């Protein structure tokens, strides 16, 4: 389902329209509502994955001109309104989930823990994974988020460079601490991915939205 921005003056979705059209949706083993919002658990080839409901809303996409270490393609900053909510996995796809769905060889370089996110997979390979995943649970549509949806979910209502604040350290995310952000102090370089849920989630219950692995989106 394509989720477009509303035209100027279009009424914002009502409270009822901001909730999932069906609850629980097809394939849900369990569901609930906690401090981060609605969630469902889905059994995918023997691996249980949690999904979070991301309500429709609007946010400022991109970074302001004065943000430290800003890249040219991170602007211009502009308001985006998402008109339809969507379910989003609360973690990156783990190696355990990838192997359960795809079978065969683990393509990842860092295989110390099956809870580590899968890496070394192309956009086309991920598209094949999603098609196979959808075939396992009749009635569901499996797709990558758009770039706007991903940033909206990552920010979780924040307007700072990172969902947890104005700066980042290796204690809050997994990245090469030899390259500190905006003149900060150097920190740990783990030289490997780490298991999902190694760091606290953002306010919408999503883990490792910064660092660990690059994540594919549906569009550019």
N, C-alpha and C. Protein backbone atom coordinates (compact mmCIF):
# COMPACT_ATOMS: atom_id res chain seq x y z
N UNK A 1 0.85 -1.20 0.00
CA UNK A 1 0.00 0.00 0.00
C UNK A 1 0.87 1.24 0.00
N UNK A 2 0.64 2.12 -0.91
CA UNK A 2 1.44 3.34 -1.00
C UNK A 2 0.93 4.36 0.01
N UNK A 3 1.85 5.00 0.72
CA UNK A 3 1.48 5.97 1.74
C UNK A 3 1.98 7.34 1.29
N UNK A 4 1.07 8.17 0.82
CA UNK A 4 1.44 9.47 0.27
C UNK A 4 1.25 10.58 1.30
N UNK A 5 1.90 11.70 1.03
CA UNK A 5 1.71 12.89 1.86
C UNK A 5 0.37 13.52 1.54
N UNK A 6 -0.28 14.05 2.57
CA UNK A 6 -1.57 14.72 2.36
C UNK A 6 -1.38 16.08 1.70
N UNK A 7 -2.33 16.46 0.88
CA UNK A 7 -2.32 17.80 0.32
C UNK A 7 -2.58 18.82 1.42
N UNK A 8 -2.11 20.04 1.19
CA UNK A 8 -2.31 21.11 2.17
C UNK A 8 -3.80 21.30 2.41
N UNK A 9 -4.21 21.35 3.67
CA UNK A 9 -5.61 21.57 4.00
C UNK A 9 -6.39 20.28 4.18
N UNK A 10 -5.82 19.12 3.84
CA UNK A 10 -6.53 17.86 4.02
C UNK A 10 -6.60 17.56 5.51
N UNK A 11 -7.78 17.17 6.01
CA UNK A 11 -7.92 16.88 7.44
C UNK A 11 -6.99 15.77 7.89
N UNK A 12 -6.45 15.90 9.09
CA UNK A 12 -5.59 14.88 9.63
C UNK A 12 -6.43 13.68 10.04
N UNK A 13 -5.90 12.43 9.92
CA UNK A 13 -6.68 11.25 10.29
C UNK A 13 -7.21 11.34 11.71
N UNK A 14 -8.45 10.88 11.91
CA UNK A 14 -9.05 10.87 13.24
C UNK A 14 -8.35 9.85 14.12
N UNK A 15 -8.67 9.85 15.42
CA UNK A 15 -8.05 8.92 16.35
C UNK A 15 -8.29 7.47 15.92
N UNK A 16 -9.51 7.16 15.49
CA UNK A 16 -9.81 5.80 15.04
C UNK A 16 -9.02 5.44 13.80
N UNK A 17 -8.83 6.40 12.88
CA UNK A 17 -8.10 6.15 11.64
C UNK A 17 -6.61 5.99 11.87
N UNK A 18 -6.13 6.38 13.05
CA UNK A 18 -4.70 6.27 13.34
C UNK A 18 -4.34 4.89 13.87
N UNK A 19 -5.33 4.08 14.19
CA UNK A 19 -5.10 2.74 14.69
C UNK A 19 -5.13 1.73 13.54
N UNK A 20 -4.60 0.53 13.75
CA UNK A 20 -4.62 -0.48 12.68
C UNK A 20 -6.05 -0.78 12.25
N UNK A 21 -6.27 -1.02 10.97
CA UNK A 21 -7.62 -1.33 10.50
C UNK A 21 -8.16 -2.64 11.08
N UNK A 22 -7.26 -3.59 11.36
CA UNK A 22 -7.65 -4.86 11.98
C UNK A 22 -6.67 -5.14 13.11
N UNK A 23 -7.20 -5.47 14.27
CA UNK A 23 -6.35 -5.76 15.42
C UNK A 23 -6.94 -6.93 16.20
N UNK A 24 -6.19 -8.01 16.34
CA UNK A 24 -4.84 -8.22 15.79
C UNK A 24 -4.89 -8.55 14.31
N UNK A 25 -3.86 -8.21 13.56
CA UNK A 25 -3.84 -8.52 12.12
C UNK A 25 -3.55 -9.99 11.87
N UNK A 26 -3.66 -10.40 10.62
CA UNK A 26 -3.39 -11.78 10.23
C UNK A 26 -2.00 -12.21 10.67
N UNK A 27 -1.92 -13.40 11.23
CA UNK A 27 -0.63 -13.98 11.57
C UNK A 27 -0.12 -13.65 12.96
N UNK A 28 -0.79 -12.79 13.70
CA UNK A 28 -0.28 -12.39 15.02
C UNK A 28 -0.46 -13.52 16.03
N UNK A 29 0.64 -13.89 16.70
CA UNK A 29 0.59 -14.86 17.79
C UNK A 29 0.07 -14.22 19.06
N UNK A 30 0.48 -12.99 19.26
CA UNK A 30 0.10 -12.24 20.46
C UNK A 30 0.14 -10.77 20.12
N UNK A 31 -0.56 -9.97 20.91
CA UNK A 31 -0.52 -8.53 20.69
C UNK A 31 -0.79 -7.83 22.02
N UNK A 32 -0.42 -6.54 22.05
CA UNK A 32 -0.63 -5.78 23.26
C UNK A 32 -0.37 -4.30 23.03
N UNK A 33 -0.46 -3.55 24.11
CA UNK A 33 -0.27 -2.11 24.08
C UNK A 33 0.54 -1.73 25.31
N UNK A 34 1.71 -1.14 25.12
CA UNK A 34 2.54 -0.77 26.25
C UNK A 34 2.95 0.70 26.13
N UNK A 35 3.95 1.10 26.90
CA UNK A 35 4.35 2.50 26.91
C UNK A 35 4.84 3.00 25.56
N UNK A 36 5.29 2.08 24.69
CA UNK A 36 5.77 2.46 23.36
C UNK A 36 4.69 2.36 22.29
N UNK A 37 3.53 1.83 22.64
CA UNK A 37 2.44 1.70 21.67
C UNK A 37 2.04 0.26 21.42
N UNK A 38 1.30 0.05 20.33
CA UNK A 38 0.81 -1.27 19.98
C UNK A 38 1.93 -2.16 19.44
N UNK A 39 1.85 -3.45 19.75
CA UNK A 39 2.82 -4.41 19.24
C UNK A 39 2.12 -5.72 18.90
N UNK A 40 2.74 -6.48 17.99
CA UNK A 40 2.31 -7.83 17.70
C UNK A 40 3.55 -8.71 17.60
N UNK A 41 3.40 -9.99 17.91
CA UNK A 41 4.44 -10.99 17.69
C UNK A 41 3.98 -11.92 16.58
N UNK A 42 4.86 -12.19 15.62
CA UNK A 42 4.54 -13.04 14.48
C UNK A 42 5.57 -14.15 14.38
N UNK A 43 5.10 -15.39 14.19
CA UNK A 43 5.99 -16.54 14.00
C UNK A 43 6.35 -16.62 12.52
N UNK A 44 7.62 -16.43 12.22
CA UNK A 44 8.11 -16.46 10.85
C UNK A 44 9.08 -17.63 10.71
N UNK A 45 8.57 -18.75 10.22
CA UNK A 45 9.38 -19.96 10.02
C UNK A 45 10.06 -20.41 11.31
N UNK A 46 9.37 -20.26 12.43
CA UNK A 46 9.90 -20.71 13.71
C UNK A 46 10.64 -19.65 14.50
N UNK A 47 10.82 -18.47 13.94
CA UNK A 47 11.45 -17.35 14.66
C UNK A 47 10.38 -16.30 14.92
N UNK A 48 10.22 -15.91 16.17
CA UNK A 48 9.21 -14.93 16.53
C UNK A 48 9.80 -13.52 16.42
N UNK A 49 9.16 -12.68 15.63
CA UNK A 49 9.59 -11.30 15.44
C UNK A 49 8.50 -10.37 15.95
N UNK A 50 8.90 -9.36 16.70
CA UNK A 50 7.94 -8.35 17.17
C UNK A 50 7.87 -7.20 16.18
N UNK A 51 6.66 -6.69 15.98
CA UNK A 51 6.42 -5.54 15.12
C UNK A 51 5.74 -4.46 15.95
N UNK A 52 6.05 -3.22 15.63
CA UNK A 52 5.46 -2.06 16.30
C UNK A 52 4.56 -1.30 15.33
N UNK A 53 3.41 -0.85 15.82
CA UNK A 53 2.52 -0.05 15.00
C UNK A 53 3.00 1.41 15.01
N UNK A 54 3.28 1.94 13.84
CA UNK A 54 3.71 3.32 13.70
C UNK A 54 2.52 4.13 13.21
N UNK A 55 1.99 4.98 14.07
CA UNK A 55 0.80 5.76 13.72
C UNK A 55 1.11 6.79 12.64
N UNK A 56 0.10 7.17 11.83
CA UNK A 56 0.33 8.26 10.88
C UNK A 56 0.65 9.54 11.62
N UNK A 57 1.34 10.43 10.97
CA UNK A 57 1.71 11.70 11.61
C UNK A 57 2.56 12.52 10.67
N UNK A 58 3.12 13.60 11.20
CA UNK A 58 3.97 14.44 10.37
C UNK A 58 5.24 14.80 11.13
N UNK A 59 6.29 15.12 10.38
CA UNK A 59 7.57 15.45 11.00
C UNK A 59 8.39 16.25 10.01
N UNK A 60 9.47 16.84 10.52
CA UNK A 60 10.41 17.57 9.67
C UNK A 60 11.48 16.59 9.22
N UNK A 61 11.48 16.27 7.92
CA UNK A 61 12.43 15.32 7.37
C UNK A 61 13.70 16.04 6.92
N UNK A 62 14.83 15.39 7.15
CA UNK A 62 16.10 16.00 6.81
C UNK A 62 16.69 16.73 8.01
N UNK A 63 17.84 17.34 7.82
CA UNK A 63 18.51 18.03 8.92
C UNK A 63 18.59 19.52 8.65
N UNK A 64 18.59 20.34 9.71
CA UNK A 64 18.73 21.78 9.51
C UNK A 64 20.12 22.13 8.99
N UNK A 65 20.24 23.29 8.38
CA UNK A 65 21.50 23.69 7.75
C UNK A 65 22.66 23.76 8.72
N UNK A 66 22.38 24.04 10.00
CA UNK A 66 23.46 24.23 10.98
C UNK A 66 23.78 22.96 11.77
N UNK A 67 23.22 21.82 11.39
CA UNK A 67 23.50 20.59 12.14
C UNK A 67 24.93 20.13 11.86
N UNK A 68 25.70 19.75 12.91
CA UNK A 68 27.09 19.31 12.70
C UNK A 68 27.18 18.11 11.76
N UNK A 69 28.23 18.11 10.94
CA UNK A 69 28.55 17.01 10.03
C UNK A 69 27.41 16.69 9.06
N UNK A 70 26.64 17.68 8.73
CA UNK A 70 25.51 17.51 7.81
C UNK A 70 26.00 17.29 6.39
N UNK A 71 25.43 16.29 5.70
CA UNK A 71 25.74 16.03 4.30
C UNK A 71 24.78 16.82 3.42
N UNK A 72 25.21 17.14 2.21
CA UNK A 72 24.37 17.93 1.31
C UNK A 72 23.05 17.25 0.98
N UNK A 73 23.07 15.89 0.91
CA UNK A 73 21.85 15.18 0.53
C UNK A 73 20.90 14.99 1.70
N UNK A 74 21.19 15.61 2.85
CA UNK A 74 20.31 15.53 4.01
C UNK A 74 19.33 16.70 4.07
N UNK A 75 19.25 17.48 3.02
CA UNK A 75 18.34 18.60 2.97
C UNK A 75 17.81 18.78 1.56
N UNK A 76 16.95 19.79 1.35
CA UNK A 76 16.51 20.74 2.36
C UNK A 76 15.52 20.11 3.33
N UNK A 77 15.51 20.60 4.54
CA UNK A 77 14.58 20.12 5.55
C UNK A 77 13.16 20.50 5.14
N UNK A 78 12.24 19.57 5.26
CA UNK A 78 10.88 19.84 4.81
C UNK A 78 9.88 19.01 5.61
N UNK A 79 8.66 19.50 5.70
CA UNK A 79 7.62 18.80 6.46
C UNK A 79 7.00 17.70 5.62
N UNK A 80 6.87 16.52 6.23
CA UNK A 80 6.26 15.36 5.59
C UNK A 80 5.13 14.87 6.47
N UNK A 81 3.99 14.57 5.86
CA UNK A 81 2.86 13.99 6.59
C UNK A 81 2.58 12.61 6.03
N UNK A 82 2.64 11.60 6.89
CA UNK A 82 2.30 10.23 6.51
C UNK A 82 0.85 9.99 6.86
N UNK A 83 0.07 9.56 5.89
CA UNK A 83 -1.38 9.49 6.05
C UNK A 83 -1.89 8.15 6.55
N UNK A 84 -1.03 7.12 6.50
CA UNK A 84 -1.44 5.77 6.89
C UNK A 84 -0.40 5.18 7.82
N UNK A 85 -0.86 4.55 8.90
CA UNK A 85 0.07 3.88 9.80
C UNK A 85 0.59 2.59 9.18
N UNK A 86 1.60 2.00 9.81
CA UNK A 86 2.19 0.77 9.28
C UNK A 86 2.89 0.01 10.40
N UNK A 87 3.00 -1.30 10.21
CA UNK A 87 3.74 -2.15 11.15
C UNK A 87 5.20 -2.18 10.73
N UNK A 88 6.10 -2.06 11.70
CA UNK A 88 7.54 -2.08 11.43
C UNK A 88 8.21 -3.01 12.44
N UNK A 89 9.08 -3.90 11.96
CA UNK A 89 9.81 -4.79 12.86
C UNK A 89 10.60 -3.96 13.87
N UNK A 90 10.62 -4.42 15.12
CA UNK A 90 11.28 -3.61 16.15
C UNK A 90 12.79 -3.75 16.13
N UNK A 91 13.32 -4.66 15.31
CA UNK A 91 14.77 -4.81 15.16
C UNK A 91 15.10 -5.02 13.68
N UNK A 92 16.36 -4.88 13.36
CA UNK A 92 16.83 -5.31 12.05
C UNK A 92 16.66 -6.82 11.95
N UNK A 93 16.59 -7.35 10.73
CA UNK A 93 16.44 -8.79 10.51
C UNK A 93 17.67 -9.51 11.06
N UNK A 94 17.45 -10.46 11.94
CA UNK A 94 18.57 -11.23 12.49
C UNK A 94 19.02 -12.31 11.53
N UNK A 95 20.23 -12.81 11.77
CA UNK A 95 20.73 -13.93 10.97
C UNK A 95 19.86 -15.16 11.17
N UNK A 96 19.34 -15.35 12.38
CA UNK A 96 18.45 -16.48 12.64
C UNK A 96 17.19 -16.40 11.79
N UNK A 97 16.60 -15.20 11.69
CA UNK A 97 15.39 -15.03 10.90
C UNK A 97 15.69 -15.20 9.41
N UNK A 98 16.79 -14.64 8.95
CA UNK A 98 17.15 -14.77 7.53
C UNK A 98 17.29 -16.24 7.14
N UNK A 99 18.00 -17.01 7.94
CA UNK A 99 18.23 -18.41 7.62
C UNK A 99 16.94 -19.21 7.72
N UNK A 100 16.07 -18.87 8.68
CA UNK A 100 14.81 -19.59 8.82
C UNK A 100 13.93 -19.40 7.59
N UNK A 101 13.93 -18.19 7.05
CA UNK A 101 13.09 -17.88 5.89
C UNK A 101 13.73 -18.34 4.59
N UNK A 102 15.03 -18.08 4.43
CA UNK A 102 15.72 -18.34 3.17
C UNK A 102 16.36 -19.72 3.09
N UNK A 103 16.70 -20.30 4.26
CA UNK A 103 17.41 -21.57 4.26
C UNK A 103 18.84 -21.39 3.76
N UNK A 104 19.64 -22.44 3.88
CA UNK A 104 20.98 -22.41 3.30
C UNK A 104 21.97 -21.57 4.07
N UNK A 105 22.91 -20.99 3.32
CA UNK A 105 24.09 -20.34 3.88
C UNK A 105 23.75 -19.00 4.52
N UNK A 106 24.45 -18.70 5.60
CA UNK A 106 24.37 -17.39 6.23
C UNK A 106 25.33 -16.46 5.49
N UNK A 107 24.82 -15.37 4.86
CA UNK A 107 25.70 -14.51 4.06
C UNK A 107 26.53 -13.53 4.88
N UNK A 108 26.30 -13.49 6.18
CA UNK A 108 26.90 -12.44 7.02
C UNK A 108 28.38 -12.70 7.29
N UNK A 109 29.11 -11.61 7.48
CA UNK A 109 30.52 -11.70 7.84
C UNK A 109 30.68 -11.99 9.33
N UNK A 110 29.85 -11.34 10.14
CA UNK A 110 29.99 -11.44 11.60
C UNK A 110 28.96 -12.44 12.14
N UNK A 111 29.39 -13.69 12.31
CA UNK A 111 28.46 -14.77 12.64
C UNK A 111 28.61 -15.27 14.07
N UNK A 112 29.14 -14.43 14.96
CA UNK A 112 29.37 -14.88 16.33
C UNK A 112 28.08 -15.19 17.08
N UNK A 113 26.97 -14.59 16.66
CA UNK A 113 25.70 -14.74 17.37
C UNK A 113 24.57 -14.65 16.35
N UNK A 114 23.64 -15.61 16.36
CA UNK A 114 22.54 -15.60 15.39
C UNK A 114 21.58 -14.43 15.61
N UNK A 115 21.75 -13.75 16.75
CA UNK A 115 20.92 -12.56 17.00
C UNK A 115 21.54 -11.31 16.36
N UNK A 116 22.74 -11.44 15.83
CA UNK A 116 23.32 -10.31 15.09
C UNK A 116 22.49 -10.06 13.83
N UNK A 117 22.42 -8.81 13.38
CA UNK A 117 21.67 -8.54 12.16
C UNK A 117 22.35 -9.16 10.95
N UNK A 118 21.55 -9.60 9.98
CA UNK A 118 22.13 -10.12 8.75
C UNK A 118 22.74 -8.95 7.98
N UNK A 119 23.87 -9.18 7.34
CA UNK A 119 24.51 -8.16 6.50
C UNK A 119 25.10 -8.84 5.27
N UNK A 120 25.68 -8.04 4.39
CA UNK A 120 26.16 -8.54 3.10
C UNK A 120 25.02 -9.06 2.24
N UNK A 121 23.86 -8.39 2.28
CA UNK A 121 22.73 -8.76 1.43
C UNK A 121 22.34 -7.53 0.60
N UNK A 122 22.05 -7.76 -0.67
CA UNK A 122 21.70 -6.68 -1.58
C UNK A 122 20.22 -6.32 -1.46
N UNK A 123 19.84 -5.21 -2.07
CA UNK A 123 18.43 -4.79 -2.09
C UNK A 123 17.59 -5.86 -2.77
N UNK A 124 18.09 -6.44 -3.86
CA UNK A 124 17.34 -7.48 -4.57
C UNK A 124 17.19 -8.73 -3.71
N UNK A 125 18.23 -9.09 -2.98
CA UNK A 125 18.14 -10.25 -2.09
C UNK A 125 17.13 -10.01 -0.98
N UNK A 126 17.10 -8.80 -0.45
CA UNK A 126 16.12 -8.46 0.58
C UNK A 126 14.70 -8.52 0.00
N UNK A 127 14.53 -8.07 -1.24
CA UNK A 127 13.21 -8.15 -1.88
C UNK A 127 12.76 -9.61 -2.00
N UNK A 128 13.69 -10.51 -2.35
CA UNK A 128 13.36 -11.92 -2.41
C UNK A 128 13.01 -12.49 -1.05
N UNK A 129 13.72 -12.05 -0.03
CA UNK A 129 13.42 -12.46 1.35
C UNK A 129 12.00 -12.04 1.73
N UNK A 130 11.62 -10.81 1.40
CA UNK A 130 10.29 -10.32 1.77
C UNK A 130 9.19 -11.09 1.03
N UNK A 131 9.42 -11.43 -0.23
CA UNK A 131 8.42 -12.22 -0.95
C UNK A 131 8.24 -13.59 -0.31
N UNK A 132 9.34 -14.21 0.06
CA UNK A 132 9.24 -15.53 0.69
C UNK A 132 8.61 -15.42 2.07
N UNK A 133 8.96 -14.37 2.80
CA UNK A 133 8.38 -14.17 4.12
C UNK A 133 6.87 -14.01 4.03
N UNK A 134 6.39 -13.23 3.06
CA UNK A 134 4.96 -13.00 2.91
C UNK A 134 4.23 -14.30 2.59
N UNK A 135 4.88 -15.20 1.88
CA UNK A 135 4.24 -16.47 1.53
C UNK A 135 4.05 -17.37 2.75
N UNK A 136 4.81 -17.10 3.82
CA UNK A 136 4.72 -17.93 5.03
C UNK A 136 3.52 -17.58 5.89
N UNK A 137 3.04 -16.34 5.77
CA UNK A 137 1.93 -15.88 6.61
C UNK A 137 0.84 -15.32 5.70
N UNK A 138 -0.14 -16.14 5.32
CA UNK A 138 -1.20 -15.67 4.42
C UNK A 138 -1.89 -14.42 4.96
N UNK A 139 -2.11 -13.47 4.07
CA UNK A 139 -2.84 -12.26 4.46
C UNK A 139 -1.96 -11.08 4.81
N UNK A 140 -0.63 -11.28 4.88
CA UNK A 140 0.23 -10.15 5.21
C UNK A 140 0.93 -9.63 3.97
N UNK A 141 1.29 -8.37 4.01
CA UNK A 141 2.10 -7.74 2.97
C UNK A 141 3.44 -7.37 3.61
N UNK A 142 4.53 -7.89 3.08
CA UNK A 142 5.86 -7.61 3.63
C UNK A 142 6.61 -6.71 2.66
N UNK A 143 7.01 -5.55 3.13
CA UNK A 143 7.70 -4.60 2.27
C UNK A 143 8.65 -3.74 3.10
N UNK A 144 9.65 -3.18 2.43
CA UNK A 144 10.55 -2.25 3.09
C UNK A 144 9.84 -0.93 3.34
N UNK A 145 10.22 -0.21 4.40
CA UNK A 145 9.66 1.13 4.59
C UNK A 145 10.26 2.09 3.58
N UNK A 146 9.53 3.15 3.26
CA UNK A 146 10.12 4.21 2.45
C UNK A 146 11.13 4.96 3.31
N UNK A 147 11.95 5.77 2.67
CA UNK A 147 12.93 6.56 3.42
C UNK A 147 12.23 7.49 4.41
N UNK A 148 11.10 8.07 3.99
CA UNK A 148 10.36 8.96 4.88
C UNK A 148 9.81 8.19 6.07
N UNK A 149 9.26 7.00 5.83
CA UNK A 149 8.73 6.19 6.93
C UNK A 149 9.84 5.80 7.90
N UNK A 150 11.00 5.42 7.33
CA UNK A 150 12.10 5.00 8.21
C UNK A 150 12.56 6.16 9.09
N UNK A 151 12.76 7.33 8.51
CA UNK A 151 13.23 8.47 9.31
C UNK A 151 12.20 8.88 10.35
N UNK A 152 10.92 8.86 9.96
CA UNK A 152 9.84 9.18 10.89
C UNK A 152 9.87 8.23 12.08
N UNK A 153 10.01 6.92 11.80
CA UNK A 153 10.04 5.93 12.87
C UNK A 153 11.31 6.06 13.70
N UNK A 154 12.45 6.35 13.06
CA UNK A 154 13.70 6.51 13.78
C UNK A 154 13.63 7.69 14.74
N UNK A 155 13.13 8.81 14.28
CA UNK A 155 13.05 10.00 15.11
C UNK A 155 12.10 9.83 16.28
N UNK A 156 11.01 9.10 16.09
CA UNK A 156 10.06 8.83 17.17
C UNK A 156 9.64 10.10 17.91
N UNK A 157 9.38 11.14 17.14
CA UNK A 157 8.92 12.40 17.72
C UNK A 157 10.02 13.37 18.10
N UNK A 158 11.29 12.96 17.99
CA UNK A 158 12.41 13.84 18.35
C UNK A 158 12.78 14.72 17.16
N UNK A 159 13.49 15.81 17.45
CA UNK A 159 13.99 16.70 16.39
C UNK A 159 15.49 16.91 16.50
N UNK A 160 16.14 16.14 17.36
CA UNK A 160 17.59 16.21 17.54
C UNK A 160 18.29 15.33 16.50
N UNK A 161 19.61 15.48 16.32
CA UNK A 161 20.30 14.65 15.33
C UNK A 161 20.12 13.15 15.54
N UNK A 162 19.96 12.73 16.79
CA UNK A 162 19.75 11.33 17.13
C UNK A 162 18.51 11.24 18.02
N UNK A 163 17.81 10.11 17.97
CA UNK A 163 16.56 10.05 18.72
C UNK A 163 16.76 10.19 20.22
N UNK A 164 18.02 9.93 20.69
CA UNK A 164 18.29 10.06 22.12
C UNK A 164 18.96 11.39 22.48
N UNK A 165 19.16 12.27 21.52
CA UNK A 165 19.73 13.57 21.87
C UNK A 165 20.61 14.16 20.79
N UNK A 166 21.44 15.12 21.20
CA UNK A 166 22.23 15.91 20.26
C UNK A 166 23.55 15.26 19.85
N UNK A 167 23.96 14.21 20.57
CA UNK A 167 25.24 13.59 20.23
C UNK A 167 25.14 12.08 20.37
N UNK A 168 26.19 11.39 19.93
CA UNK A 168 26.19 9.93 19.96
C UNK A 168 27.53 9.45 20.50
N UNK A 169 27.51 8.34 21.23
CA UNK A 169 28.73 7.72 21.75
C UNK A 169 28.60 6.21 21.56
N UNK A 170 29.72 5.45 21.61
CA UNK A 170 29.65 4.00 21.48
C UNK A 170 28.87 3.32 22.60
N UNK A 171 28.59 4.04 23.68
CA UNK A 171 27.76 3.47 24.74
C UNK A 171 26.28 3.49 24.37
N UNK A 172 25.93 4.25 23.32
CA UNK A 172 24.53 4.35 22.90
C UNK A 172 24.26 3.68 21.57
N UNK A 173 25.31 3.38 20.81
CA UNK A 173 25.14 2.76 19.50
C UNK A 173 26.45 2.09 19.11
N UNK A 174 26.35 1.13 18.19
CA UNK A 174 27.53 0.41 17.73
C UNK A 174 28.05 1.03 16.43
N UNK A 175 29.20 1.70 16.55
CA UNK A 175 29.86 2.30 15.38
C UNK A 175 31.34 2.43 15.72
N UNK A 176 32.14 2.89 14.77
CA UNK A 176 33.58 3.02 14.98
C UNK A 176 33.85 4.28 15.81
N UNK A 177 34.14 4.07 17.09
CA UNK A 177 34.38 5.19 17.99
C UNK A 177 35.66 5.95 17.72
N UNK A 178 36.46 5.47 16.76
CA UNK A 178 37.65 6.23 16.37
C UNK A 178 37.29 7.48 15.59
N UNK A 179 36.03 7.57 15.18
CA UNK A 179 35.55 8.73 14.42
C UNK A 179 34.41 9.39 15.20
N UNK A 180 34.76 10.17 16.22
CA UNK A 180 33.73 10.77 17.08
C UNK A 180 32.89 11.80 16.32
N UNK A 181 31.68 12.00 16.80
CA UNK A 181 30.75 12.93 16.18
C UNK A 181 30.97 14.35 16.70
N UNK A 182 31.06 15.28 15.79
CA UNK A 182 31.09 16.71 16.11
C UNK A 182 32.12 17.08 17.17
N UNK A 183 33.33 16.53 17.03
CA UNK A 183 34.41 16.91 17.93
C UNK A 183 34.38 16.26 19.29
N UNK A 184 33.55 15.23 19.48
CA UNK A 184 33.49 14.54 20.77
C UNK A 184 34.72 13.69 21.02
N UNK A 185 34.71 12.97 22.12
CA UNK A 185 35.84 12.12 22.48
C UNK A 185 35.79 10.80 21.73
N UNK A 186 36.96 10.23 21.45
CA UNK A 186 37.02 8.92 20.83
C UNK A 186 36.50 7.86 21.80
N UNK A 187 35.99 6.76 21.22
CA UNK A 187 35.46 5.70 22.05
C UNK A 187 35.75 4.33 21.46
N UNK A 188 35.03 3.32 21.94
CA UNK A 188 35.26 1.93 21.56
C UNK A 188 34.90 1.67 20.10
N UNK A 189 35.72 0.84 19.46
CA UNK A 189 35.41 0.32 18.14
C UNK A 189 35.29 -1.20 18.28
N UNK A 190 34.08 -1.73 18.26
CA UNK A 190 33.86 -3.16 18.51
C UNK A 190 34.30 -4.04 17.34
N UNK A 191 34.41 -3.46 16.16
CA UNK A 191 34.87 -4.17 14.95
C UNK A 191 33.98 -5.34 14.57
N UNK A 192 32.75 -5.32 14.98
CA UNK A 192 31.78 -6.36 14.65
C UNK A 192 30.39 -5.82 14.88
N UNK A 193 29.39 -6.47 14.31
CA UNK A 193 28.02 -6.14 14.68
C UNK A 193 27.73 -6.74 16.06
N UNK A 194 26.67 -6.30 16.67
CA UNK A 194 26.28 -6.81 17.98
C UNK A 194 24.85 -7.32 17.89
N UNK A 195 24.43 -8.20 18.80
CA UNK A 195 23.06 -8.71 18.76
C UNK A 195 22.04 -7.59 18.83
N UNK A 196 20.92 -7.80 18.15
CA UNK A 196 19.85 -6.81 18.23
C UNK A 196 19.38 -6.69 19.69
N UNK A 197 18.86 -5.55 20.03
CA UNK A 197 18.41 -5.22 21.39
C UNK A 197 19.57 -5.09 22.37
N UNK A 198 20.77 -4.78 21.84
CA UNK A 198 21.92 -4.55 22.72
C UNK A 198 21.86 -3.17 23.38
N UNK A 199 21.09 -2.25 22.77
CA UNK A 199 20.97 -0.89 23.30
C UNK A 199 19.50 -0.58 23.52
N UNK A 200 19.20 0.39 24.38
CA UNK A 200 17.80 0.72 24.65
C UNK A 200 17.08 1.17 23.38
N UNK A 201 15.77 0.91 23.28
CA UNK A 201 15.00 1.31 22.10
C UNK A 201 14.68 2.79 22.13
N UNK A 202 14.19 3.29 20.99
CA UNK A 202 13.70 4.67 21.00
C UNK A 202 12.31 4.72 21.63
N UNK A 203 11.68 5.86 21.65
CA UNK A 203 10.41 6.03 22.35
C UNK A 203 9.27 5.23 21.74
N UNK A 204 9.46 4.75 20.52
CA UNK A 204 8.42 3.94 19.86
C UNK A 204 8.76 2.45 19.87
N UNK A 205 9.77 2.07 20.67
CA UNK A 205 10.08 0.66 20.86
C UNK A 205 10.92 0.03 19.78
N UNK A 206 11.68 0.83 19.01
CA UNK A 206 12.49 0.33 17.92
C UNK A 206 13.97 0.35 18.31
N UNK A 207 14.67 -0.74 18.06
CA UNK A 207 16.05 -0.90 18.52
C UNK A 207 17.08 -0.61 17.42
N UNK A 208 18.26 -0.12 17.85
CA UNK A 208 19.40 0.11 16.96
C UNK A 208 19.03 0.87 15.69
N UNK A 209 18.31 1.95 15.86
CA UNK A 209 17.98 2.79 14.71
C UNK A 209 19.18 3.64 14.31
N UNK A 210 20.21 3.65 15.13
CA UNK A 210 21.49 4.27 14.79
C UNK A 210 22.57 3.20 14.95
N UNK A 211 23.46 3.12 13.97
CA UNK A 211 24.60 2.22 14.09
C UNK A 211 24.26 0.76 13.80
N UNK A 212 25.23 -0.10 14.02
CA UNK A 212 25.20 -1.55 13.86
C UNK A 212 25.24 -1.97 12.40
N UNK A 213 24.19 -1.71 11.61
CA UNK A 213 24.20 -2.02 10.18
C UNK A 213 23.47 -0.91 9.41
N UNK A 214 23.81 -0.77 8.12
CA UNK A 214 23.02 0.03 7.23
C UNK A 214 21.72 -0.73 6.93
N UNK A 215 20.64 0.00 6.72
CA UNK A 215 19.35 -0.64 6.47
C UNK A 215 18.78 -0.17 5.13
N UNK A 216 18.25 -1.12 4.36
CA UNK A 216 17.65 -0.80 3.07
C UNK A 216 16.27 -0.17 3.25
N UNK A 217 15.94 0.75 2.35
CA UNK A 217 14.59 1.31 2.27
C UNK A 217 14.00 0.99 0.90
N UNK A 218 12.71 1.20 0.74
CA UNK A 218 12.04 0.87 -0.52
C UNK A 218 12.46 1.80 -1.64
N UNK A 219 12.76 3.06 -1.30
CA UNK A 219 13.12 4.04 -2.32
C UNK A 219 14.54 4.54 -2.09
N UNK A 220 14.93 5.54 -2.88
CA UNK A 220 16.30 6.02 -2.89
C UNK A 220 16.84 6.47 -1.56
